Protein backbone atom coordinates (compact mmCIF):
# COMPACT_ATOMS: atom_id res chain seq x y z
CA MET A 1 15.83 43.18 8.26
CA LYS A 2 15.69 45.72 11.41
CA ALA A 3 19.67 46.79 12.78
CA ILE A 4 20.33 45.30 16.15
CA GLY A 5 21.65 47.21 17.77
CA PRO A 6 23.78 47.24 20.92
CA LEU A 7 21.22 48.18 23.25
CA GLU A 8 19.43 44.94 22.63
CA LEU A 9 22.73 42.39 22.80
CA ALA A 10 21.96 41.50 26.60
CA GLY A 11 24.02 39.06 28.08
CA ALA A 12 26.99 40.06 25.34
CA MET A 13 28.93 42.20 27.39
CA ALA A 14 32.79 41.84 25.99
CA LYS A 15 35.83 39.16 27.54
CA LYS A 16 39.35 39.72 27.15
CA PRO A 17 40.25 36.33 25.42
CA THR A 18 41.44 35.47 28.80
CA GLU A 19 38.08 34.88 30.58
CA MET A 20 36.60 32.87 28.09
CA ASP A 21 34.81 29.38 29.86
CA ARG A 22 36.36 26.39 28.93
CA SER A 23 32.28 24.58 28.82
CA PRO A 24 32.00 22.22 25.31
CA VAL A 25 30.36 24.22 22.76
CA LEU A 26 27.34 24.22 20.08
CA ILE A 27 28.46 25.47 16.35
CA LEU A 28 25.11 26.23 14.86
CA GLY A 29 25.42 26.23 11.70
CA ALA A 30 26.91 23.12 10.46
CA GLY A 31 28.50 24.61 6.33
CA GLY A 32 31.38 25.87 5.56
CA HIS A 33 31.89 28.98 7.93
CA GLY A 34 30.84 26.98 10.25
CA ARG A 35 33.33 24.19 9.96
CA VAL A 36 36.33 26.63 9.76
CA VAL A 37 34.74 27.86 13.37
CA ALA A 38 35.50 24.14 14.87
CA GLN A 39 38.89 24.04 13.35
CA VAL A 40 39.22 27.15 15.52
CA LEU A 41 37.57 25.70 18.36
CA ARG A 42 39.79 22.65 18.10
CA ALA A 43 42.71 24.61 17.47
CA ALA A 44 41.64 26.34 21.32
CA GLY A 45 41.85 23.23 22.76
CA ARG A 46 37.85 23.44 23.00
CA GLU A 47 34.89 20.35 23.10
CA ILE A 48 32.79 20.19 20.63
CA ALA A 49 29.60 19.02 21.93
CA GLY A 50 28.01 19.07 18.11
CA PHE A 51 26.43 21.25 14.95
CA LEU A 52 22.90 22.57 14.94
CA ASP A 53 20.95 23.05 11.68
CA ASP A 54 18.42 24.18 10.72
CA ALA A 55 18.64 21.97 7.46
CA ALA A 56 16.67 19.87 9.30
CA ALA A 57 17.68 16.33 6.46
CA LYS A 58 21.09 17.06 8.17
CA THR A 59 20.21 15.93 12.24
CA GLY A 60 22.53 12.97 12.69
CA THR A 61 25.04 13.71 10.53
CA GLU A 62 28.33 13.64 10.30
CA VAL A 63 29.92 16.75 8.92
CA ASP A 64 33.85 16.36 9.85
CA GLY A 65 33.45 14.13 12.54
CA VAL A 66 31.03 16.32 13.84
CA ARG A 67 27.83 14.45 14.92
CA VAL A 68 24.63 17.14 14.20
CA LEU A 69 22.66 16.68 16.83
CA GLY A 70 19.06 18.83 15.81
CA THR A 71 18.65 22.57 14.65
CA SER A 72 18.71 26.00 16.47
CA GLU A 73 15.18 24.75 18.00
CA ASP A 74 17.23 22.67 20.11
CA ALA A 75 19.96 24.55 21.07
CA ALA A 76 18.02 25.83 25.04
CA ARG A 77 17.28 21.41 25.33
CA LEU A 78 20.48 20.62 24.30
CA ALA A 79 22.66 23.76 25.76
CA SER A 80 21.59 23.02 29.47
CA SER A 81 21.52 19.03 28.59
CA LEU A 82 24.72 19.33 27.70
CA GLY A 83 25.98 21.53 29.62
CA ALA A 84 27.24 23.64 26.60
CA SER A 85 27.57 26.63 25.37
CA VAL A 86 26.51 28.02 21.83
CA ILE A 87 27.86 30.21 18.81
CA VAL A 88 27.11 31.05 15.31
CA GLY A 89 28.78 30.01 12.22
CA VAL A 90 27.25 31.59 9.66
CA GLY A 91 28.86 33.71 8.01
CA ASP A 92 25.97 35.90 6.66
CA ASN A 93 26.06 38.87 8.82
CA ALA A 94 22.41 40.15 8.92
CA GLN A 95 21.28 35.71 9.91
CA ARG A 96 24.40 35.20 12.00
CA GLY A 97 22.91 38.94 14.33
CA MET A 98 19.36 37.38 14.14
CA ARG A 99 20.57 34.02 15.56
CA GLN A 100 22.56 35.05 18.46
CA SER A 101 20.33 36.99 19.46
CA ARG A 102 17.67 34.52 19.50
CA LEU A 103 19.86 32.30 21.41
CA GLN A 104 20.81 35.80 23.30
CA ALA A 105 17.27 36.22 24.17
CA GLU A 106 16.42 32.70 25.35
CA GLY A 107 19.31 33.02 27.95
CA LEU A 108 21.84 31.38 26.62
CA THR A 109 25.55 31.42 27.11
CA ILE A 110 27.11 32.52 23.71
CA ALA A 111 30.86 31.57 23.16
CA SER A 112 33.68 33.13 21.51
CA SER A 113 36.89 31.63 20.24
CA VAL A 114 40.48 33.10 19.37
CA ASP A 115 42.60 30.82 17.10
CA PRO A 116 46.09 29.83 18.86
CA SER A 117 48.40 31.07 15.69
CA ALA A 118 46.27 34.32 15.54
CA VAL A 119 48.25 37.28 17.20
CA ILE A 120 45.72 39.30 19.90
CA ALA A 121 47.20 41.77 21.76
CA PRO A 122 46.53 43.07 25.30
CA GLY A 123 43.93 44.23 26.46
CA VAL A 124 41.62 44.02 23.62
CA SER A 125 38.01 42.94 23.96
CA VAL A 126 36.60 40.22 22.23
CA GLY A 127 32.67 40.00 21.86
CA ALA A 128 30.38 37.33 22.85
CA GLY A 129 30.57 35.41 19.68
CA ALA A 130 32.84 36.92 17.73
CA VAL A 131 35.51 34.42 16.09
CA VAL A 132 39.71 35.26 15.06
CA MET A 133 40.22 33.18 12.79
CA PRO A 134 44.02 31.44 11.61
CA GLY A 135 46.60 33.91 10.79
CA ALA A 136 44.84 37.23 11.96
CA VAL A 137 46.71 39.70 13.66
CA VAL A 138 44.39 42.39 16.37
CA ASN A 139 46.86 45.05 17.20
CA ILE A 140 46.34 47.02 20.22
CA GLY A 141 43.25 49.62 21.48
CA CYS A 142 41.18 47.43 19.51
CA LYS A 143 38.12 46.09 19.99
CA LEU A 144 36.32 43.82 18.71
CA GLY A 145 31.86 43.09 18.80
CA VAL A 146 29.87 41.04 19.46
CA GLY A 147 29.61 38.51 16.76
CA SER A 148 32.26 40.01 15.00
CA VAL A 149 34.55 38.33 12.20
CA VAL A 150 38.31 38.64 12.11
CA ASN A 151 38.72 36.26 9.59
CA THR A 152 42.06 34.89 8.19
CA SER A 153 44.77 36.42 7.89
CA ALA A 154 43.22 40.19 7.97
CA VAL A 155 45.66 42.15 9.94
CA LEU A 156 43.65 45.05 11.97
CA ASP A 157 46.06 48.14 13.32
CA HIS A 158 45.45 49.65 16.50
CA ASP A 159 42.55 50.85 18.43
CA THR A 160 40.79 49.87 14.94
CA GLU A 161 36.62 48.83 16.17
CA LEU A 162 34.87 46.47 14.75
CA GLY A 163 31.49 46.37 15.39
CA ASP A 164 29.12 43.89 16.16
CA TYR A 165 28.35 41.77 13.45
CA ALA A 166 30.83 43.37 10.99
CA HIS A 167 33.55 41.10 8.91
CA ALA A 168 37.11 40.97 8.54
CA SER A 169 37.58 39.11 5.21
CA PRO A 170 40.90 37.03 4.68
CA GLY A 171 44.00 39.68 4.55
CA ALA A 172 41.58 41.93 4.73
CA ILE A 173 43.55 45.16 6.63
CA THR A 174 42.53 48.33 8.96
CA SER A 175 44.84 50.66 9.44
CA GLY A 176 44.84 52.80 12.66
CA GLY A 177 42.11 54.03 14.33
CA VAL A 178 39.77 52.94 11.75
CA SER A 179 36.11 52.45 12.89
CA VAL A 180 33.54 49.59 11.59
CA GLY A 181 30.26 50.15 11.93
CA VAL A 182 27.77 47.21 12.98
CA PHE A 183 26.83 43.92 10.50
CA ALA A 184 29.31 45.86 7.99
CA TRP A 185 31.43 43.34 5.26
CA LEU A 186 35.15 43.58 4.10
CA GLY A 187 35.53 42.35 1.85
CA ALA A 188 38.75 39.66 0.89
CA GLY A 189 41.82 41.80 0.68
CA ALA A 190 40.50 45.26 0.98
CA ILE A 191 42.04 47.98 2.95
CA VAL A 192 40.85 50.67 4.82
CA LEU A 193 43.70 53.65 5.38
CA PRO A 194 43.88 55.35 8.59
CA GLY A 195 40.64 56.73 10.75
CA VAL A 196 38.41 55.94 8.17
CA CYS A 197 35.05 55.27 9.28
CA ILE A 198 33.01 53.11 7.58
CA GLY A 199 29.10 52.74 8.32
CA GLU A 200 26.66 50.90 9.34
CA HIS A 201 25.44 47.77 6.53
CA ALA A 202 28.57 48.93 4.16
CA VAL A 203 30.26 46.61 1.86
CA VAL A 204 33.95 47.06 0.77
CA GLY A 205 34.62 44.96 -2.21
CA ALA A 206 37.61 42.56 -2.24
CA GLY A 207 40.50 44.58 -2.77
CA ALA A 208 39.70 47.48 -2.62
CA VAL A 209 41.66 50.26 -0.92
CA VAL A 210 39.19 52.77 0.89
CA ARG A 211 40.89 56.69 1.60
CA GLU A 212 37.15 58.00 2.50
CA ASP A 213 34.55 57.50 4.95
CA VAL A 214 32.37 54.70 3.74
CA ALA A 215 28.38 56.13 4.01
CA ALA A 216 25.77 53.74 5.83
CA SER A 217 24.28 50.65 3.60
CA THR A 218 27.02 51.81 0.85
CA THR A 219 28.66 49.37 -1.74
CA VAL A 220 32.11 50.57 -2.74
CA ALA A 221 35.03 48.83 -4.68
CA GLY A 222 37.83 49.56 -6.56
CA VAL A 223 40.99 51.89 -6.30
CA PRO A 224 40.77 53.97 -5.33
CA ALA A 225 36.94 52.60 -3.79
CA ARG A 226 34.01 54.07 -4.84
CA PRO A 227 30.35 53.52 -4.81
CA ILE A 228 29.11 51.30 -7.05
CA GLY A 229 27.52 52.86 -10.50
CA ASP A 230 30.13 55.64 -9.23
CA GLN A 231 33.24 53.91 -11.35
CA ALA A 232 33.34 56.20 -14.44
């Protein structure tokens, strides 16, 4: 799948948390990740207009008390009729990027949400569609790309840049000055040391300790982290 670069993401300008609108939100994706996104929205005081899910059999059912109103094909119609913005509640980075890009191309407003238990430093920018989950810490100088995820209790230290559609899994930690490329994934409990660059589409395994830069589209694991296949 072709990477979706920042220049292809029209309308996805970063917002500060205080600048986010208060419109009702449609959540695209009624699976586990989408349910957590709903939890974050509720905690932040946002009205949930409903779920959308491309498993058509879910239409008309309820998930955690929220009705599934249709599929992604219904997004534009429902957003218009309900006066709603849309957020993509899909955990897979590539799928989240593809779906958000399509929604933006249809001219829909993309919501972001920050759980009130998260600690977000003043001046941190939060890209359209980004979600910051309970207990996360995002320190001064950080930038969260469009559609990025800072999952439960993850910590991004000062001046970390989390790229578009990148995902810091539960308990992941980046030290100061870390760069995480677009679509990259930090596994649960992974630790990235200061100044390290994680390349686009790279994957850092759960519990890994990354001391050196990771090349694009490379998977690393272990302590210290090494590319898979080079674990001797």
